[in-house]
Amino acid sequence: MRRVYLMWFFGLIAVPCTAEKPSLTVYNDNFAVVREVIPLTLKKGVNEISQTDVTAQLEPESVMLRDLKSSDSLRVLEQNYRADPLSQGLLLKVYEGKMIQFEVPNGQNAPLVAKGKVIRSGYVPQGASPENNASSDPIIDMDGQIRFGLPGTPLFPGLGDDTILRPTLTWQLESAVEGSTQAELSYVTRGLSWDAQYNLVLPPKGDQLDLIGWVTMKNESGKQFDDATIQLMAGDVQKTQPPMAAGRMMMKAEAMADYAEAPQVKEKAFDEYHLYTLPRNTSLRDRQTKQIEFLNALGVNSTMNYVYDGTNMQPIPYDMGLQLDRNFGLDSNTKVRVTREFMNEEKNHLGMPLPKGNVRMYRRDEQGRLQFIGENQIDHTPRDEKVKLESGNAFDLTGKRVQTNFVANEAQQWMDESFEITLKNHKDTAVSIQVHEHLYRYTNWKINNPSAPFEKLDSRTIRFTVEVPARGEQKITYTAHYSWNPEADQTTGNAPAAAPAVTTMEGQVSAPGSAGE
């Protein structure tokens, strides 16, 4: 019997105050909330305290420090954040206008030591864009000659007392008591991100699929987090900063084994979003990408649909000039799209909120090998909602859409437009194709003389569903009647009685129509 593992659980957004391991909540949009407990040894009065183990992309205005033992014994008088650790470029900046020594290569012999004056360091502070600077090349004066670039390895004097080797937070703290305590440090930082990736696998025949979901976390914050509690927040959380691109990583498709007792990622609703907690603490190194499976659903029922959209038009505002242009919207698309749908519900072996992410679709061939058949994205999808994916275009199905009649009566403010849609099936089996037609001329419309039944999808779109025989074709014909005369029947879209009759194609089969609103 096939087993299904869905990752349900309840997690808290903060770690207990007594914990000393870091805690992270990572958001989709390249930022995170970091929480740590740090020890403090204070004297009564004013203290200067530094914390070096912070990220290089910390947002200083987000920093909060509170005493866990007493809420009123500690007061922050001043806070400073330095994010430019010691580097060659920074020291060159310090020595601009001064003479320093350079170790210059000397072929096979020992390097020479020569002096030069640093005219310009070329240093670009962390976070600044080099494009915004006139040039980032150092300029060195060597014996009266100007050199662009360093002549060799610079040799600097000893470090000053205020030199930092890592990003550092420094506080002036006023303590009401003397002794040791613990404080909770929390802040928002950029440079941490996550996204979801899915592998969808179909058997050699049939539509029952397996869906495997992974979370990919990326740390570019400049800090390593050891044995951290990590939570992932899914949803469109508004933050007033420019979004930064998160990396996409390739993932394995072969992850199909049954895990009988594997730890499970847990999910719970939090405010207007969803929070996913990793099943165990993990370390996240700087510049590291980490992947963890959060969903393994087997035997998910799905359906495949063929969709022909002859125009592929996006909704646009109605325009009288376009209404009367008989060539508007006549560019015919010949491709038939392949779509796959399934319900994200518990009875379909799913039923957990699915974070947005990329979906790679595979089908096994007769030898059991995975073959890639398409790729698409899903948005954040709540439970009990439908997931719809497009995998590409069908090779053996084609469509053609032709305008067969166009009559416009500008004086009486009505128009008729007729179409013939031809669907061809080169497969050895019959197929069902959904045909989407867009009523793009005007809001008030009525379908006359349709050759097949249709349904109204919205105020501007109708859908025919037709069977196309194996190695055969099927045609659909209809006439769209538009009216923008205030005296006309605004409910049915009928033209005024004085309007001349419009000749339609012979052999059409009447079917229930639908009027636009």
Protein backbone atom coordinates (compact mmCIF):
# COMPACT_ATOMS: atom_id res chain seq x y z
CA MET A 1 0.00 0.00 0.00
CA ARG A 2 1.35 3.41 -0.91
CA ARG A 3 2.11 5.73 1.95
CA VAL A 4 1.54 9.46 2.04
CA TYR A 5 3.54 11.85 4.21
CA LEU A 6 2.15 15.33 4.70
CA MET A 7 4.04 17.72 6.90
CA TRP A 8 1.66 19.02 9.62
CA PHE A 9 2.68 20.61 12.86
CA PHE A 10 2.43 23.57 15.14
CA GLY A 11 5.39 25.92 15.66
CA LEU A 12 6.01 29.10 17.63
CA ILE A 13 7.59 32.19 16.16
CA ALA A 14 10.01 32.73 19.05
CA VAL A 15 12.31 30.36 20.88
CA PRO A 16 12.03 30.06 24.66
CA CYS A 17 13.90 32.78 26.46
CA THR A 18 16.20 30.30 28.17
CA ALA A 19 17.52 28.95 24.85
CA GLU A 20 20.98 30.13 23.78
CA LYS A 21 20.82 28.79 20.24
CA PRO A 22 19.92 31.23 17.49
CA SER A 23 16.44 31.32 16.02
CA LEU A 24 15.58 32.48 12.49
CA THR A 25 12.36 33.30 10.69
CA VAL A 26 13.18 33.54 6.99
CA TYR A 27 10.86 35.29 4.52
CA ASN A 28 10.44 34.80 0.76
CA ASP A 29 11.77 38.23 -0.12
CA ASN A 30 15.42 38.02 0.95
CA PHE A 31 15.17 39.03 4.57
CA ALA A 32 14.88 37.36 7.96
CA VAL A 33 14.34 38.02 11.65
CA VAL A 34 17.26 36.86 13.80
CA ARG A 35 16.85 36.18 17.52
CA GLU A 36 19.69 35.29 19.89
CA VAL A 37 20.28 35.26 23.64
CA ILE A 38 23.56 36.89 24.64
CA PRO A 39 25.22 37.03 28.09
CA LEU A 40 25.95 40.45 29.63
CA THR A 41 28.21 41.34 32.56
CA LEU A 42 27.31 44.84 33.72
CA LYS A 43 28.36 47.32 36.33
CA LYS A 44 25.94 49.76 37.86
CA GLY A 45 25.77 52.87 35.70
CA VAL A 46 26.96 53.27 32.11
CA ASN A 47 28.52 50.32 30.26
CA GLU A 48 29.95 49.96 26.76
CA ILE A 49 29.09 46.57 25.27
CA SER A 50 30.00 45.19 21.84
CA GLN A 51 28.52 42.26 19.93
CA THR A 52 30.55 41.10 16.93
CA ASP A 53 28.60 38.00 15.91
CA VAL A 54 25.97 39.77 13.76
CA THR A 55 25.24 39.79 10.05
CA ALA A 56 26.84 42.12 7.51
CA GLN A 57 23.39 43.17 6.20
CA LEU A 58 21.71 43.97 9.50
CA GLU A 59 19.16 46.80 9.51
CA PRO A 60 20.31 48.91 12.51
CA GLU A 61 16.92 50.56 13.06
CA SER A 62 15.35 47.11 13.61
CA VAL A 63 17.65 46.10 16.50
CA MET A 64 15.96 45.35 19.84
CA LEU A 65 17.82 44.44 23.02
CA ARG A 66 15.99 43.54 26.22
CA ASP A 67 17.00 42.14 29.58
CA LEU A 68 15.35 38.74 30.10
CA LYS A 69 15.56 38.96 33.90
CA SER A 70 14.16 42.44 34.43
CA SER A 71 12.26 44.64 32.03
CA ASP A 72 13.22 47.95 33.67
CA SER A 73 16.83 47.46 34.86
CA LEU A 74 18.50 48.12 31.50
CA ARG A 75 18.31 51.16 29.24
CA VAL A 76 19.96 51.67 25.85
CA LEU A 77 21.52 55.15 25.72
CA GLU A 78 23.26 54.82 22.36
CA GLN A 79 23.74 52.22 19.62
CA ASN A 80 26.34 52.08 16.82
CA TYR A 81 26.66 49.60 13.96
CA ARG A 82 29.82 49.13 11.88
CA ALA A 83 29.62 46.82 8.88
CA ASP A 84 32.98 47.48 7.18
CA PRO A 85 35.39 44.90 8.64
CA LEU A 86 39.11 45.14 8.06
CA SER A 87 40.11 44.68 4.42
CA GLN A 88 42.88 45.75 2.08
CA GLY A 89 40.61 48.30 0.42
CA LEU A 90 39.56 49.82 3.73
CA LEU A 91 43.18 50.21 4.88
CA LEU A 92 44.12 51.80 1.56
CA LYS A 93 41.29 54.27 2.21
CA VAL A 94 42.74 55.01 5.68
CA TYR A 95 46.17 55.71 4.15
CA GLU A 96 45.02 57.90 1.26
CA GLY A 97 47.54 60.77 0.88
CA LYS A 98 50.19 58.83 2.83
CA MET A 99 53.25 56.79 1.94
CA ILE A 100 53.19 53.03 2.48
CA GLN A 101 55.39 50.15 1.37
CA PHE A 102 54.63 47.65 -1.40
CA GLU A 103 56.09 44.20 -1.89
CA VAL A 104 56.80 44.15 -5.64
CA PRO A 105 57.39 40.87 -7.58
CA ASN A 106 60.94 40.54 -8.89
CA GLY A 107 61.00 37.54 -11.23
CA GLN A 108 62.94 34.60 -9.78
CA ASN A 109 64.52 36.73 -7.05
CA ALA A 110 63.12 37.79 -3.73
CA PRO A 111 60.39 40.48 -3.94
CA LEU A 112 61.46 44.10 -3.77
CA VAL A 113 60.06 46.53 -1.23
CA ALA A 114 59.25 49.94 -2.69
CA LYS A 115 57.42 52.98 -1.34
CA GLY A 116 54.46 54.67 -2.92
CA LYS A 117 51.89 57.31 -2.06
CA VAL A 118 48.21 56.31 -2.07
CA ILE A 119 46.48 58.97 -4.17
CA ARG A 120 43.18 57.13 -4.38
CA SER A 121 42.29 53.84 -2.70
CA GLY A 122 39.50 52.75 -5.05
CA TYR A 123 37.66 51.49 -1.97
CA VAL A 124 33.89 50.96 -2.35
CA PRO A 125 32.06 50.63 0.99
CA GLN A 126 30.03 47.49 1.57
CA GLY A 127 26.56 47.78 0.05
CA ALA A 128 27.56 50.57 -2.33
CA SER A 129 27.44 49.95 -6.08
CA PRO A 130 30.76 50.30 -7.95
CA GLU A 131 28.83 51.69 -10.96
CA ASN A 132 27.98 54.75 -8.88
CA ASN A 133 31.65 55.60 -8.41
CA ALA A 134 33.76 57.33 -11.05
CA SER A 135 36.32 54.53 -10.82
CA SER A 136 37.25 51.77 -8.39
CA ASP A 137 40.91 51.50 -9.53
CA PRO A 138 43.55 52.56 -6.98
CA ILE A 139 45.96 55.33 -8.00
CA ILE A 140 49.52 55.12 -6.59
CA ASP A 141 52.36 57.67 -6.98
CA MET A 142 55.65 55.77 -7.40
CA ASP A 143 58.67 58.10 -7.55
CA GLY A 144 56.65 60.82 -9.30
CA GLN A 145 55.00 58.44 -11.75
CA ILE A 146 51.25 57.82 -11.53
CA ARG A 147 50.18 54.16 -11.61
CA PHE A 148 46.61 52.90 -11.99
CA GLY A 149 46.43 49.72 -9.93
CA LEU A 150 48.61 48.42 -7.16
CA PRO A 151 52.31 47.84 -7.93
CA GLY A 152 52.35 44.90 -5.54
CA THR A 153 51.09 43.73 -2.18
CA PRO A 154 50.62 46.70 0.19
CA LEU A 155 52.35 46.51 3.58
CA PHE A 156 50.52 48.44 6.30
CA PRO A 157 51.58 49.53 9.80
CA GLY A 158 49.98 47.92 12.84
CA LEU A 159 46.22 48.06 13.45
CA GLY A 160 44.58 50.87 15.35
CA ASP A 161 42.47 50.34 18.45
CA ASP A 162 39.21 51.01 16.60
CA THR A 163 39.79 48.43 13.85
CA ILE A 164 37.06 45.80 13.54
CA LEU A 165 37.44 42.38 11.98
CA ARG A 166 33.71 41.57 11.78
CA PRO A 167 30.46 43.56 11.63
CA THR A 168 29.89 44.93 15.12
CA LEU A 169 27.06 46.36 17.22
CA THR A 170 28.16 48.62 20.09
CA TRP A 171 25.85 49.93 22.83
CA GLN A 172 26.08 52.44 25.64
CA LEU A 173 23.92 50.72 28.27
CA GLU A 174 22.76 52.13 31.59
CA SER A 175 22.20 49.42 34.19
CA ALA A 176 20.36 49.89 37.48
CA VAL A 177 22.12 46.89 39.03
CA GLU A 178 25.49 45.19 38.91
CA GLY A 179 25.98 41.57 37.85
CA SER A 180 25.45 39.05 35.07
CA THR A 181 22.28 38.73 33.05
CA GLN A 182 20.99 37.49 29.73
CA ALA A 183 19.54 39.69 27.02
CA GLU A 184 17.52 38.87 23.94
CA LEU A 185 18.96 40.41 20.77
CA SER A 186 16.71 40.51 17.71
CA TYR A 187 16.99 42.28 14.38
CA VAL A 188 15.95 42.19 10.73
CA THR A 189 18.63 41.38 8.19
CA ARG A 190 18.84 41.03 4.45
CA GLY A 191 20.78 38.24 2.78
CA LEU A 192 18.66 35.28 3.95
CA SER A 193 16.02 33.85 1.63
CA TRP A 194 14.06 30.72 0.84
CA ASP A 195 11.84 29.41 -1.88
CA ALA A 196 9.84 26.28 -2.58
CA GLN A 197 10.50 23.86 -5.41
CA TYR A 198 8.31 20.95 -6.45
CA ASN A 199 8.87 17.77 -8.45
CA LEU A 200 5.71 16.31 -10.01
CA VAL A 201 6.08 12.74 -11.29
CA LEU A 202 3.56 10.86 -13.43
CA PRO A 203 3.53 7.10 -14.17
CA PRO A 204 4.05 5.76 -17.72
CA LYS A 205 0.27 5.90 -18.22
CA GLY A 206 -2.47 7.63 -16.25
CA ASP A 207 -2.98 10.85 -14.32
CA GLN A 208 -2.27 9.82 -10.70
CA LEU A 209 0.85 11.74 -9.71
CA ASP A 210 3.39 12.00 -6.91
CA LEU A 211 4.27 15.47 -5.63
CA ILE A 212 7.51 16.13 -3.75
CA GLY A 213 8.17 19.57 -2.27
CA TRP A 214 11.50 21.03 -1.17
CA VAL A 215 12.47 24.26 0.54
CA THR A 216 15.74 25.82 -0.57
CA MET A 217 17.37 28.23 1.90
CA LYS A 218 20.20 30.53 0.93
CA ASN A 219 22.45 32.42 3.34
CA GLU A 220 24.35 35.43 2.01
CA SER A 221 24.12 37.47 5.22
CA GLY A 222 27.81 37.32 6.16
CA LYS A 223 27.15 35.28 9.32
CA GLN A 224 27.05 31.58 10.13
CA PHE A 225 24.18 30.24 12.25
CA ASP A 226 25.05 27.11 14.22
CA ASP A 227 22.41 24.63 15.38
CA ALA A 228 19.64 27.15 14.76
CA THR A 229 15.89 26.83 15.00
CA ILE A 230 14.62 27.83 11.55
CA GLN A 231 11.13 28.85 10.52
CA LEU A 232 9.96 29.88 7.05
CA MET A 233 7.24 32.47 6.56
CA ALA A 234 5.14 32.08 3.39
CA GLY A 235 2.94 34.87 2.10
CA ASP A 236 3.13 38.33 0.59
CA VAL A 237 4.54 40.24 3.55
CA GLN A 238 4.88 43.94 2.79
CA LYS A 239 8.27 45.45 3.55
CA THR A 240 9.44 48.93 2.58
CA GLN A 241 12.69 48.04 0.89
CA PRO A 242 13.58 47.17 -2.71
CA PRO A 243 13.11 43.45 -3.36
CA MET A 244 16.32 41.57 -4.03
CA ALA A 245 16.52 38.58 -6.34
CA ALA A 246 16.69 35.25 -4.58
CA GLY A 247 18.75 32.47 -6.09
CA ARG A 248 17.20 29.46 -7.77
CA MET A 249 18.87 26.12 -7.38
CA MET A 250 18.44 22.94 -9.40
CA MET A 251 17.08 19.99 -7.44
CA LYS A 252 16.97 16.25 -7.87
CA ALA A 253 13.93 14.63 -9.39
CA GLU A 254 14.74 11.22 -7.88
CA ALA A 255 13.48 11.63 -4.33
CA MET A 256 10.71 9.07 -4.37
CA ALA A 257 11.55 6.67 -1.55
CA ASP A 258 9.05 6.10 1.28
CA TYR A 259 10.31 7.57 4.57
CA ALA A 260 8.60 5.67 7.37
CA GLU A 261 9.74 7.74 10.33
CA ALA A 262 11.34 10.80 8.73
CA PRO A 263 11.03 14.06 10.70
CA GLN A 264 8.38 16.27 9.19
CA VAL A 265 8.26 19.97 8.47
CA LYS A 266 5.33 21.47 10.36
CA GLU A 267 2.97 24.17 9.16
CA LYS A 268 0.58 26.51 10.95
CA ALA A 269 -1.38 29.63 10.10
CA PHE A 270 0.23 32.77 11.54
CA ASP A 271 -1.57 36.10 11.26
CA GLU A 272 -2.41 36.40 7.53
CA TYR A 273 0.44 34.12 6.44
CA HIS A 274 1.69 30.58 6.95
CA LEU A 275 4.64 29.51 9.06
CA TYR A 276 6.68 26.37 8.39
CA THR A 277 9.03 25.05 11.07
CA LEU A 278 11.91 22.73 10.23
CA PRO A 279 11.73 19.46 12.20
CA ARG A 280 15.13 19.83 13.88
CA ASN A 281 17.81 22.42 14.47
CA THR A 282 20.30 22.84 11.67
CA SER A 283 23.40 24.90 10.86
CA LEU A 284 23.34 27.38 8.02
CA ARG A 285 26.78 28.53 6.94
CA ASP A 286 27.46 31.80 5.19
CA ARG A 287 27.27 31.41 1.37
CA GLN A 288 25.55 28.06 1.84
CA THR A 289 22.44 26.72 0.11
CA LYS A 290 20.48 24.10 2.09
CA GLN A 291 17.53 22.00 0.92
CA ILE A 292 14.98 20.15 3.03
CA GLU A 293 11.96 18.10 1.92
CA PHE A 294 8.67 19.41 3.30
CA LEU A 295 6.09 17.52 1.24
CA ASN A 296 5.87 13.94 -0.05
CA ALA A 297 2.37 13.21 -1.35
CA LEU A 298 1.82 9.99 -3.30
CA GLY A 299 -1.20 9.00 -5.40
CA VAL A 300 -2.59 12.48 -6.05
CA ASN A 301 -5.47 12.40 -8.53
CA SER A 302 -5.21 14.90 -11.36
CA THR A 303 -6.75 15.66 -14.74
CA MET A 304 -5.10 16.72 -17.99
CA ASN A 305 -6.82 19.20 -20.30
CA TYR A 306 -6.16 20.44 -23.81
CA VAL A 307 -6.92 24.14 -24.25
CA TYR A 308 -7.09 26.04 -27.53
CA ASP A 309 -7.09 29.84 -27.29
CA GLY A 310 -7.15 31.15 -30.84
CA THR A 311 -6.14 34.70 -29.92
CA ASN A 312 -4.40 34.40 -26.53
CA MET A 313 -5.53 37.98 -25.94
CA GLN A 314 -5.17 39.65 -22.58
CA PRO A 315 -8.14 41.78 -21.42
CA ILE A 316 -7.82 45.39 -22.62
CA PRO A 317 -10.06 48.45 -22.16
CA TYR A 318 -12.83 48.71 -24.72
CA ASP A 319 -12.05 51.21 -27.48
CA MET A 320 -14.49 52.35 -30.15
CA GLY A 321 -11.73 52.49 -32.73
CA LEU A 322 -10.90 48.85 -32.08
CA GLN A 323 -14.57 47.89 -32.07
CA LEU A 324 -14.97 49.00 -35.67
CA ASP A 325 -11.65 47.58 -36.89
CA ARG A 326 -12.51 44.25 -38.52
CA ASN A 327 -8.87 43.10 -38.24
CA PHE A 328 -8.69 43.54 -34.48
CA GLY A 329 -7.84 40.27 -32.71
CA LEU A 330 -7.50 38.16 -35.85
CA ASP A 331 -3.93 36.91 -35.36
CA SER A 332 -4.57 33.17 -35.11
CA ASN A 333 -2.67 30.94 -32.71
CA THR A 334 -2.19 27.34 -33.87
CA LYS A 335 -0.95 25.79 -30.62
CA VAL A 336 -3.04 23.71 -28.23
CA ARG A 337 -1.86 24.06 -24.61
CA VAL A 338 -1.53 21.13 -22.22
CA THR A 339 -2.68 21.86 -18.67
CA ARG A 340 -2.87 19.71 -15.54
CA GLU A 341 -5.12 20.32 -12.54
CA PHE A 342 -5.51 18.78 -9.10
CA MET A 343 -7.22 19.73 -5.87
CA ASN A 344 -5.11 20.64 -2.85
CA GLU A 345 -7.35 18.80 -0.41
CA GLU A 346 -6.91 16.14 2.25
CA LYS A 347 -8.97 13.48 0.47
CA ASN A 348 -6.58 13.89 -2.46
CA HIS A 349 -3.55 13.18 -0.21
CA LEU A 350 -2.69 16.88 0.06
CA GLY A 351 -4.53 19.58 2.02
CA MET A 352 -1.68 21.73 3.38
CA PRO A 353 -1.05 25.34 2.28
CA LEU A 354 1.45 25.19 -0.58
CA PRO A 355 3.98 28.05 -0.73
CA LYS A 356 4.63 29.57 -4.13
CA GLY A 357 7.39 27.98 -6.15
CA ASN A 358 8.57 26.34 -9.31
CA VAL A 359 7.10 22.98 -10.40
CA ARG A 360 9.08 20.61 -12.60
CA MET A 361 6.94 17.95 -14.26
CA TYR A 362 8.16 14.48 -15.22
CA ARG A 363 6.64 11.32 -16.62
CA ARG A 364 8.22 7.87 -16.40
CA ASP A 365 8.70 6.01 -19.66
CA GLU A 366 8.00 2.29 -20.08
CA GLN A 367 11.44 1.48 -18.64
CA GLY A 368 10.68 3.58 -15.54
CA ARG A 369 13.06 6.39 -16.45
CA LEU A 370 12.06 9.97 -15.68
CA GLN A 371 11.50 12.22 -18.70
CA PHE A 372 11.07 15.97 -18.27
CA ILE A 373 7.73 17.16 -19.75
CA GLY A 374 7.40 20.78 -18.60
CA GLU A 375 7.90 23.44 -15.96
CA ASN A 376 5.58 26.02 -14.43
CA GLN A 377 5.06 28.05 -11.27
CA ILE A 378 2.33 28.07 -8.65
CA ASP A 379 1.40 30.97 -6.39
CA HIS A 380 0.69 30.59 -2.67
CA THR A 381 -2.17 28.07 -2.71
CA PRO A 382 -4.44 27.59 0.34
CA ARG A 383 -5.88 24.20 1.20
CA ASP A 384 -8.98 23.11 -0.71
CA GLU A 385 -8.03 25.21 -3.75
CA LYS A 386 -7.26 23.96 -7.26
CA VAL A 387 -3.69 23.87 -8.58
CA LYS A 388 -3.45 24.50 -12.32
CA LEU A 389 -0.24 24.02 -14.29
CA GLU A 390 0.68 24.45 -17.94
CA SER A 391 3.32 22.02 -19.21
CA GLY A 392 3.63 23.17 -22.83
CA ASN A 393 1.94 22.65 -26.22
CA ALA A 394 0.61 19.38 -27.64
CA PHE A 395 2.66 18.12 -30.60
CA ASP A 396 -0.18 16.29 -32.38
CA LEU A 397 -2.99 18.83 -31.89
CA THR A 398 -3.48 22.05 -33.85
CA GLY A 399 -6.09 24.77 -34.14
CA LYS A 400 -7.04 27.47 -36.63
CA ARG A 401 -9.38 30.41 -36.09
CA VAL A 402 -10.84 32.32 -39.06
CA GLN A 403 -13.21 35.29 -39.15
CA THR A 404 -15.91 34.35 -41.68
CA ASN A 405 -18.19 37.39 -41.45
CA PHE A 406 -18.06 40.96 -40.13
CA VAL A 407 -20.96 43.43 -40.30
CA ALA A 408 -20.97 46.76 -38.43
CA ASN A 409 -23.80 49.30 -38.37
CA GLU A 410 -22.26 52.36 -36.77
CA ALA A 411 -25.42 54.44 -37.08
CA GLN A 412 -27.54 51.92 -35.16
CA GLN A 413 -24.58 50.98 -32.94
CA TRP A 414 -24.41 47.24 -33.38
CA MET A 415 -22.01 44.75 -34.89
CA ASP A 416 -21.93 41.05 -35.83
CA GLU A 417 -18.77 38.98 -36.09
CA SER A 418 -18.66 35.29 -37.11
CA PHE A 419 -15.87 32.73 -36.65
CA GLU A 420 -14.97 29.23 -37.74
CA ILE A 421 -12.53 27.30 -35.54
CA THR A 422 -10.95 24.12 -36.89
CA LEU A 423 -9.35 21.61 -34.51
CA LYS A 424 -7.18 18.79 -35.87
CA ASN A 425 -6.13 15.66 -33.99
CA HIS A 426 -3.22 13.62 -35.37
CA LYS A 427 -3.26 11.15 -32.46
CA ASP A 428 -4.48 7.55 -32.68
CA THR A 429 -7.06 8.25 -29.96
CA ALA A 430 -9.88 10.77 -29.68
CA VAL A 431 -9.32 13.81 -27.45
CA SER A 432 -11.44 16.47 -25.77
CA ILE A 433 -10.35 20.06 -26.37
CA GLN A 434 -11.53 23.16 -24.53
CA VAL A 435 -11.85 26.19 -26.82
CA HIS A 436 -11.68 29.63 -25.18
CA GLU A 437 -13.16 32.56 -27.08
CA HIS A 438 -12.87 36.20 -25.99
CA LEU A 439 -15.68 38.70 -26.53
CA TYR A 440 -13.36 41.68 -26.92
CA ARG A 441 -15.50 44.09 -28.95
CA TYR A 442 -17.90 45.38 -26.28
CA THR A 443 -19.45 44.61 -22.89
CA ASN A 444 -22.97 44.00 -24.28
CA TRP A 445 -22.94 40.82 -26.37
CA LYS A 446 -24.95 37.78 -27.34
CA ILE A 447 -23.91 34.51 -29.02
CA ASN A 448 -26.08 33.55 -32.02
CA ASN A 449 -26.16 30.26 -33.94
CA PRO A 450 -23.41 28.38 -32.06
CA SER A 451 -22.59 25.00 -33.58
CA ALA A 452 -21.93 23.47 -30.14
CA PRO A 453 -22.93 24.18 -26.53
CA PHE A 454 -20.75 26.61 -24.58
CA GLU A 455 -20.44 28.02 -21.09
CA LYS A 456 -19.75 31.54 -19.92
CA LEU A 457 -16.50 31.74 -17.91
CA ASP A 458 -16.67 35.48 -17.20
CA SER A 459 -18.10 38.68 -18.69
CA ARG A 460 -15.71 38.50 -21.66
CA THR A 461 -14.95 34.79 -22.17
CA ILE A 462 -16.88 31.70 -23.28
CA ARG A 463 -15.72 28.08 -23.54
CA PHE A 464 -16.68 25.29 -25.95
CA THR A 465 -15.71 21.70 -25.10
CA VAL A 466 -15.60 19.44 -28.14
CA GLU A 467 -14.55 15.87 -28.93
CA VAL A 468 -12.10 15.54 -31.81
CA PRO A 469 -11.89 12.05 -33.33
CA ALA A 470 -8.63 10.13 -33.78
CA ARG A 471 -6.79 11.32 -36.90
CA GLY A 472 -9.69 13.65 -37.57
CA GLU A 473 -10.92 17.21 -37.17
CA GLN A 474 -13.83 19.14 -35.68
CA LYS A 475 -15.19 22.59 -36.48
CA ILE A 476 -16.92 25.17 -34.28
CA THR A 477 -18.85 28.13 -35.67
CA TYR A 478 -20.69 30.98 -33.94
CA THR A 479 -21.68 34.63 -34.35
CA ALA A 480 -21.09 37.25 -31.66
CA HIS A 481 -23.61 40.09 -31.74
CA TYR A 482 -22.52 43.36 -30.05
CA SER A 483 -24.74 46.37 -29.30
CA TRP A 484 -23.87 49.69 -27.65
CA ASN A 485 -27.20 51.45 -28.41
CA PRO A 486 -28.74 52.72 -25.13
CA GLU A 487 -32.21 52.01 -26.59
CA ALA A 488 -31.37 48.36 -27.26
CA ASP A 489 -32.19 45.60 -24.81
CA GLN A 490 -29.20 45.82 -22.46
CA THR A 491 -29.95 42.45 -20.95
CA THR A 492 -30.08 40.30 -24.05
CA GLY A 493 -27.91 42.40 -26.33
CA ASN A 494 -30.53 42.28 -29.14
CA ALA A 495 -30.14 44.87 -31.91
CA PRO A 496 -32.95 47.38 -32.51
CA ALA A 497 -35.88 46.07 -34.55
CA ALA A 498 -34.92 48.30 -37.49
CA ALA A 499 -31.50 46.66 -37.82
CA PRO A 500 -31.06 44.64 -41.02
CA ALA A 501 -30.83 40.89 -40.72
CA VAL A 502 -27.39 39.31 -40.77
CA THR A 503 -26.78 36.28 -42.97
CA THR A 504 -25.23 33.39 -41.04
CA MET A 505 -23.61 30.15 -42.15
CA GLU A 506 -25.81 27.21 -43.06
CA GLY A 507 -25.90 24.03 -41.10
CA GLN A 508 -25.44 25.63 -37.70
CA VAL A 509 -26.91 23.91 -34.64
CA SER A 510 -28.73 26.15 -32.17
CA ALA A 511 -27.64 25.93 -28.54
CA PRO A 512 -28.42 27.92 -25.41
CA GLY A 513 -26.57 31.23 -25.57
CA SER A 514 -25.32 33.70 -22.99
CA ALA A 515 -25.43 37.46 -22.92
CA GLY A 516 -22.69 39.69 -21.63
CA GLU A 517 -23.45 41.98 -18.78
